Amino acid sequence: MERIEAGIPPLILGDGTQTMDFVYIDDIADANLRAATAAVTDVVCNVATGVETSLEELARLLVEAMGSDLEPEWSHLAPRRSPGASLGRMGRRLGS
């Protein structure tokens, strides 16, 4: 966002096909409230939507939302990797 604001194209590491699962803050708050009142202890759960957004799509959405017409740039640096979120445990233990 800082790059777009400065008039510099957003930089995508890798080919842009890597995906992430973005979660709305209210959903995170709801999951924490459910966890705090659940009869479950000592369990770690990921909170996710199950909807994947590619880094290229994210860059294009940010450019559009910020009222710019910049095109993303790609870097040959390796993309960062993060483990995927599993929705099963959270839904089974806390209800979805």
N, C-alpha and C. Protein backbone atom coordinates (compact mmCIF):
# COMPACT_ATOMS: atom_id res chain seq x y z
N MET A 1 0.83 -1.19 0.00
CA MET A 1 0.00 0.00 0.00
C MET A 1 0.87 1.25 0.00
N GLU A 2 2.01 1.19 0.72
CA GLU A 2 2.91 2.34 0.72
C GLU A 2 3.47 2.60 -0.66
N ARG A 3 3.80 1.52 -1.38
CA ARG A 3 4.32 1.67 -2.73
C ARG A 3 3.26 2.30 -3.63
N ILE A 4 2.03 1.83 -3.56
CA ILE A 4 0.96 2.36 -4.41
C ILE A 4 0.74 3.83 -4.08
N GLU A 5 0.71 4.16 -2.80
CA GLU A 5 0.51 5.55 -2.38
C GLU A 5 1.61 6.45 -2.93
N ALA A 6 2.84 5.91 -3.02
CA ALA A 6 3.97 6.68 -3.53
C ALA A 6 4.06 6.67 -5.05
N GLY A 7 3.08 6.01 -5.72
CA GLY A 7 3.08 5.96 -7.17
C GLY A 7 4.00 4.89 -7.74
N ILE A 8 4.40 3.94 -6.89
CA ILE A 8 5.27 2.84 -7.30
C ILE A 8 4.41 1.58 -7.37
N PRO A 9 4.56 0.80 -8.45
CA PRO A 9 3.74 -0.42 -8.58
C PRO A 9 3.96 -1.38 -7.41
N PRO A 10 2.89 -2.09 -7.02
CA PRO A 10 3.05 -3.10 -5.97
C PRO A 10 3.99 -4.20 -6.45
N LEU A 11 4.78 -4.74 -5.55
CA LEU A 11 5.76 -5.76 -5.87
C LEU A 11 5.25 -7.12 -5.42
N ILE A 12 5.23 -8.08 -6.32
CA ILE A 12 4.79 -9.43 -6.02
C ILE A 12 6.00 -10.34 -6.04
N LEU A 13 6.24 -11.03 -4.94
CA LEU A 13 7.34 -11.99 -4.88
C LEU A 13 6.88 -13.30 -5.49
N GLY A 14 7.65 -13.83 -6.44
CA GLY A 14 7.24 -15.05 -7.12
C GLY A 14 6.34 -14.74 -8.29
N ASP A 15 5.49 -15.70 -8.68
CA ASP A 15 4.67 -15.51 -9.87
C ASP A 15 3.27 -14.98 -9.59
N GLY A 16 2.95 -14.75 -8.31
CA GLY A 16 1.65 -14.17 -7.96
C GLY A 16 0.54 -15.16 -7.79
N THR A 17 0.82 -16.45 -8.03
CA THR A 17 -0.24 -17.45 -7.90
C THR A 17 -0.36 -17.98 -6.48
N GLN A 18 0.58 -17.63 -5.63
CA GLN A 18 0.50 -18.06 -4.23
C GLN A 18 -0.77 -17.45 -3.64
N THR A 19 -1.43 -18.21 -2.78
CA THR A 19 -2.70 -17.74 -2.22
C THR A 19 -2.64 -17.62 -0.70
N MET A 20 -3.52 -16.79 -0.19
CA MET A 20 -3.68 -16.61 1.25
C MET A 20 -5.17 -16.59 1.54
N ASP A 21 -5.50 -16.84 2.78
CA ASP A 21 -6.89 -16.82 3.23
C ASP A 21 -7.01 -15.60 4.16
N PHE A 22 -7.69 -14.56 3.69
CA PHE A 22 -7.86 -13.34 4.48
C PHE A 22 -9.17 -13.42 5.26
N VAL A 23 -9.11 -13.03 6.52
CA VAL A 23 -10.25 -13.15 7.42
C VAL A 23 -10.62 -11.76 7.94
N TYR A 24 -11.89 -11.45 7.90
CA TYR A 24 -12.40 -10.17 8.40
C TYR A 24 -12.25 -10.12 9.92
N ILE A 25 -11.89 -8.99 10.44
CA ILE A 25 -11.59 -8.83 11.87
C ILE A 25 -12.77 -9.22 12.76
N ASP A 26 -13.99 -8.95 12.35
CA ASP A 26 -15.16 -9.33 13.16
C ASP A 26 -15.26 -10.85 13.29
N ASP A 27 -14.85 -11.57 12.23
CA ASP A 27 -14.87 -13.03 12.29
C ASP A 27 -13.81 -13.55 13.26
N ILE A 28 -12.68 -12.89 13.31
CA ILE A 28 -11.63 -13.25 14.27
C ILE A 28 -12.13 -13.02 15.70
N ALA A 29 -12.77 -11.88 15.91
CA ALA A 29 -13.30 -11.57 17.24
C ALA A 29 -14.35 -12.61 17.64
N ASP A 30 -15.24 -12.96 16.72
CA ASP A 30 -16.27 -13.96 16.99
C ASP A 30 -15.64 -15.31 17.35
N ALA A 31 -14.61 -15.71 16.60
CA ALA A 31 -13.93 -16.98 16.88
C ALA A 31 -13.28 -16.96 18.27
N ASN A 32 -12.70 -15.84 18.64
CA ASN A 32 -12.10 -15.75 19.97
C ASN A 32 -13.14 -15.81 21.08
N LEU A 33 -14.28 -15.17 20.87
CA LEU A 33 -15.35 -15.24 21.87
C LEU A 33 -15.88 -16.66 22.00
N ARG A 34 -16.05 -17.35 20.87
CA ARG A 34 -16.50 -18.75 20.91
C ARG A 34 -15.47 -19.62 21.64
N ALA A 35 -14.20 -19.38 21.35
CA ALA A 35 -13.14 -20.17 21.99
C ALA A 35 -13.10 -19.92 23.49
N ALA A 36 -13.32 -18.67 23.89
CA ALA A 36 -13.26 -18.33 25.31
C ALA A 36 -14.38 -18.97 26.11
N THR A 37 -15.49 -19.27 25.45
CA THR A 37 -16.64 -19.83 26.15
C THR A 37 -16.86 -21.31 25.86
N ALA A 38 -15.98 -21.90 25.06
CA ALA A 38 -16.12 -23.32 24.70
C ALA A 38 -15.62 -24.21 25.82
N ALA A 39 -16.15 -25.41 25.85
CA ALA A 39 -15.74 -26.38 26.86
C ALA A 39 -14.54 -27.19 26.37
N VAL A 40 -13.64 -26.54 25.66
CA VAL A 40 -12.46 -27.18 25.09
C VAL A 40 -11.23 -26.45 25.61
N THR A 41 -10.20 -27.21 25.98
CA THR A 41 -8.96 -26.58 26.43
C THR A 41 -7.78 -27.22 25.71
N ASP A 42 -6.67 -26.53 25.73
CA ASP A 42 -5.41 -27.03 25.18
C ASP A 42 -5.52 -27.46 23.71
N VAL A 43 -6.26 -26.70 22.91
CA VAL A 43 -6.40 -26.98 21.49
C VAL A 43 -6.03 -25.71 20.72
N VAL A 44 -5.23 -25.86 19.70
CA VAL A 44 -4.87 -24.74 18.84
C VAL A 44 -5.66 -24.86 17.55
N CYS A 45 -6.33 -23.79 17.15
CA CYS A 45 -7.13 -23.80 15.92
C CYS A 45 -6.76 -22.59 15.07
N ASN A 46 -6.79 -22.79 13.76
CA ASN A 46 -6.65 -21.68 12.82
C ASN A 46 -8.03 -21.13 12.51
N VAL A 47 -8.11 -19.83 12.32
CA VAL A 47 -9.36 -19.21 11.91
C VAL A 47 -9.18 -18.83 10.44
N ALA A 48 -10.09 -19.27 9.59
CA ALA A 48 -9.97 -19.03 8.16
C ALA A 48 -11.35 -19.00 7.52
N THR A 49 -11.40 -18.47 6.31
CA THR A 49 -12.67 -18.43 5.58
C THR A 49 -12.82 -19.58 4.61
N GLY A 50 -11.69 -20.16 4.20
CA GLY A 50 -11.72 -21.20 3.19
C GLY A 50 -11.71 -20.63 1.78
N VAL A 51 -11.57 -19.31 1.66
CA VAL A 51 -11.53 -18.63 0.36
C VAL A 51 -10.09 -18.17 0.11
N GLU A 52 -9.51 -18.67 -0.96
CA GLU A 52 -8.14 -18.29 -1.28
C GLU A 52 -8.11 -17.09 -2.20
N THR A 53 -7.17 -16.16 -1.93
CA THR A 53 -6.96 -14.99 -2.78
C THR A 53 -5.50 -15.00 -3.20
N SER A 54 -5.25 -14.95 -4.51
CA SER A 54 -3.87 -14.95 -4.98
C SER A 54 -3.22 -13.60 -4.69
N LEU A 55 -1.91 -13.61 -4.60
CA LEU A 55 -1.19 -12.36 -4.35
C LEU A 55 -1.37 -11.39 -5.50
N GLU A 56 -1.47 -11.91 -6.73
CA GLU A 56 -1.72 -11.02 -7.86
C GLU A 56 -3.10 -10.37 -7.74
N GLU A 57 -4.11 -11.16 -7.39
CA GLU A 57 -5.45 -10.61 -7.21
C GLU A 57 -5.47 -9.58 -6.10
N LEU A 58 -4.79 -9.86 -5.00
CA LEU A 58 -4.72 -8.91 -3.89
C LEU A 58 -4.09 -7.59 -4.34
N ALA A 59 -2.97 -7.67 -5.08
CA ALA A 59 -2.31 -6.46 -5.56
C ALA A 59 -3.24 -5.65 -6.44
N ARG A 60 -3.94 -6.32 -7.33
CA ARG A 60 -4.85 -5.62 -8.24
C ARG A 60 -6.03 -5.00 -7.48
N LEU A 61 -6.54 -5.70 -6.47
CA LEU A 61 -7.64 -5.16 -5.66
C LEU A 61 -7.18 -3.93 -4.87
N LEU A 62 -5.96 -3.97 -4.34
CA LEU A 62 -5.43 -2.82 -3.60
C LEU A 62 -5.25 -1.62 -4.52
N VAL A 63 -4.70 -1.85 -5.71
CA VAL A 63 -4.52 -0.77 -6.69
C VAL A 63 -5.87 -0.12 -7.00
N GLU A 64 -6.86 -0.96 -7.25
CA GLU A 64 -8.20 -0.44 -7.57
C GLU A 64 -8.80 0.32 -6.39
N ALA A 65 -8.71 -0.26 -5.19
CA ALA A 65 -9.29 0.38 -4.01
C ALA A 65 -8.64 1.71 -3.70
N MET A 66 -7.36 1.84 -4.07
CA MET A 66 -6.64 3.08 -3.80
C MET A 66 -6.73 4.07 -4.96
N GLY A 67 -7.58 3.75 -5.95
CA GLY A 67 -7.82 4.68 -7.05
C GLY A 67 -6.63 4.86 -7.98
N SER A 68 -5.84 3.82 -8.15
CA SER A 68 -4.65 3.91 -8.99
C SER A 68 -4.83 3.02 -10.22
N ASP A 69 -3.98 3.24 -11.21
CA ASP A 69 -4.00 2.38 -12.40
C ASP A 69 -2.65 1.68 -12.59
N LEU A 70 -1.87 1.59 -11.53
CA LEU A 70 -0.56 0.93 -11.59
C LEU A 70 -0.72 -0.56 -11.88
N GLU A 71 0.24 -1.12 -12.59
CA GLU A 71 0.28 -2.57 -12.83
C GLU A 71 1.31 -3.17 -11.88
N PRO A 72 1.01 -4.32 -11.29
CA PRO A 72 1.97 -4.95 -10.38
C PRO A 72 3.28 -5.28 -11.09
N GLU A 73 4.36 -5.32 -10.31
CA GLU A 73 5.65 -5.79 -10.79
C GLU A 73 5.94 -7.11 -10.09
N TRP A 74 6.64 -8.00 -10.80
CA TRP A 74 7.00 -9.29 -10.24
C TRP A 74 8.48 -9.33 -9.93
N SER A 75 8.82 -9.96 -8.82
CA SER A 75 10.20 -10.15 -8.42
C SER A 75 10.54 -11.63 -8.56
N HIS A 76 11.77 -11.91 -8.89
CA HIS A 76 12.20 -13.30 -9.01
C HIS A 76 12.60 -13.88 -7.67
N LEU A 77 12.49 -13.09 -6.60
CA LEU A 77 12.78 -13.61 -5.27
C LEU A 77 11.74 -14.64 -4.91
N ALA A 78 12.13 -15.62 -4.14
CA ALA A 78 11.20 -16.67 -3.72
C ALA A 78 10.10 -16.09 -2.84
N PRO A 79 8.86 -16.51 -3.08
CA PRO A 79 7.76 -16.03 -2.23
C PRO A 79 7.88 -16.60 -0.83
N ARG A 80 7.31 -15.89 0.12
CA ARG A 80 7.26 -16.40 1.49
C ARG A 80 6.23 -17.50 1.57
N ARG A 81 6.52 -18.49 2.35
CA ARG A 81 5.60 -19.62 2.50
C ARG A 81 4.99 -19.59 3.89
N SER A 82 3.71 -19.91 3.96
CA SER A 82 3.05 -20.03 5.25
C SER A 82 2.16 -21.27 5.20
N PRO A 83 1.98 -21.92 6.33
CA PRO A 83 1.14 -23.11 6.33
C PRO A 83 -0.31 -22.75 6.04
N GLY A 84 -1.01 -23.63 5.37
CA GLY A 84 -2.41 -23.40 5.09
C GLY A 84 -3.26 -23.58 6.34
N ALA A 85 -4.41 -22.95 6.35
CA ALA A 85 -5.31 -23.05 7.48
C ALA A 85 -6.28 -24.20 7.26
N SER A 86 -6.56 -24.92 8.32
CA SER A 86 -7.54 -26.00 8.25
C SER A 86 -8.79 -25.57 9.01
N LEU A 87 -9.91 -25.63 8.35
CA LEU A 87 -11.16 -25.18 8.98
C LEU A 87 -11.83 -26.26 9.81
N GLY A 88 -11.48 -27.49 9.60
CA GLY A 88 -12.18 -28.59 10.23
C GLY A 88 -12.20 -28.55 11.73
N ARG A 89 -11.04 -28.41 12.37
CA ARG A 89 -10.97 -28.46 13.82
C ARG A 89 -11.78 -27.34 14.46
N MET A 90 -11.63 -26.13 13.96
CA MET A 90 -12.36 -24.98 14.53
C MET A 90 -13.87 -25.21 14.45
N GLY A 91 -14.33 -25.61 13.27
CA GLY A 91 -15.76 -25.83 13.09
C GLY A 91 -16.29 -26.94 13.96
N ARG A 92 -15.56 -28.05 14.04
CA ARG A 92 -16.02 -29.19 14.84
C ARG A 92 -16.03 -28.85 16.33
N ARG A 93 -15.03 -28.16 16.81
CA ARG A 93 -14.91 -27.91 18.24
C ARG A 93 -15.77 -26.74 18.72
N LEU A 94 -15.85 -25.69 17.90
CA LEU A 94 -16.53 -24.48 18.35
C LEU A 94 -17.83 -24.19 17.61
N GLY A 95 -18.07 -24.88 16.54
CA GLY A 95 -19.25 -24.60 15.73
C GLY A 95 -18.95 -23.46 14.76
N SER A 96 -19.44 -23.58 13.53
CA SER A 96 -19.11 -22.55 12.55
C SER A 96 -20.25 -21.61 12.31
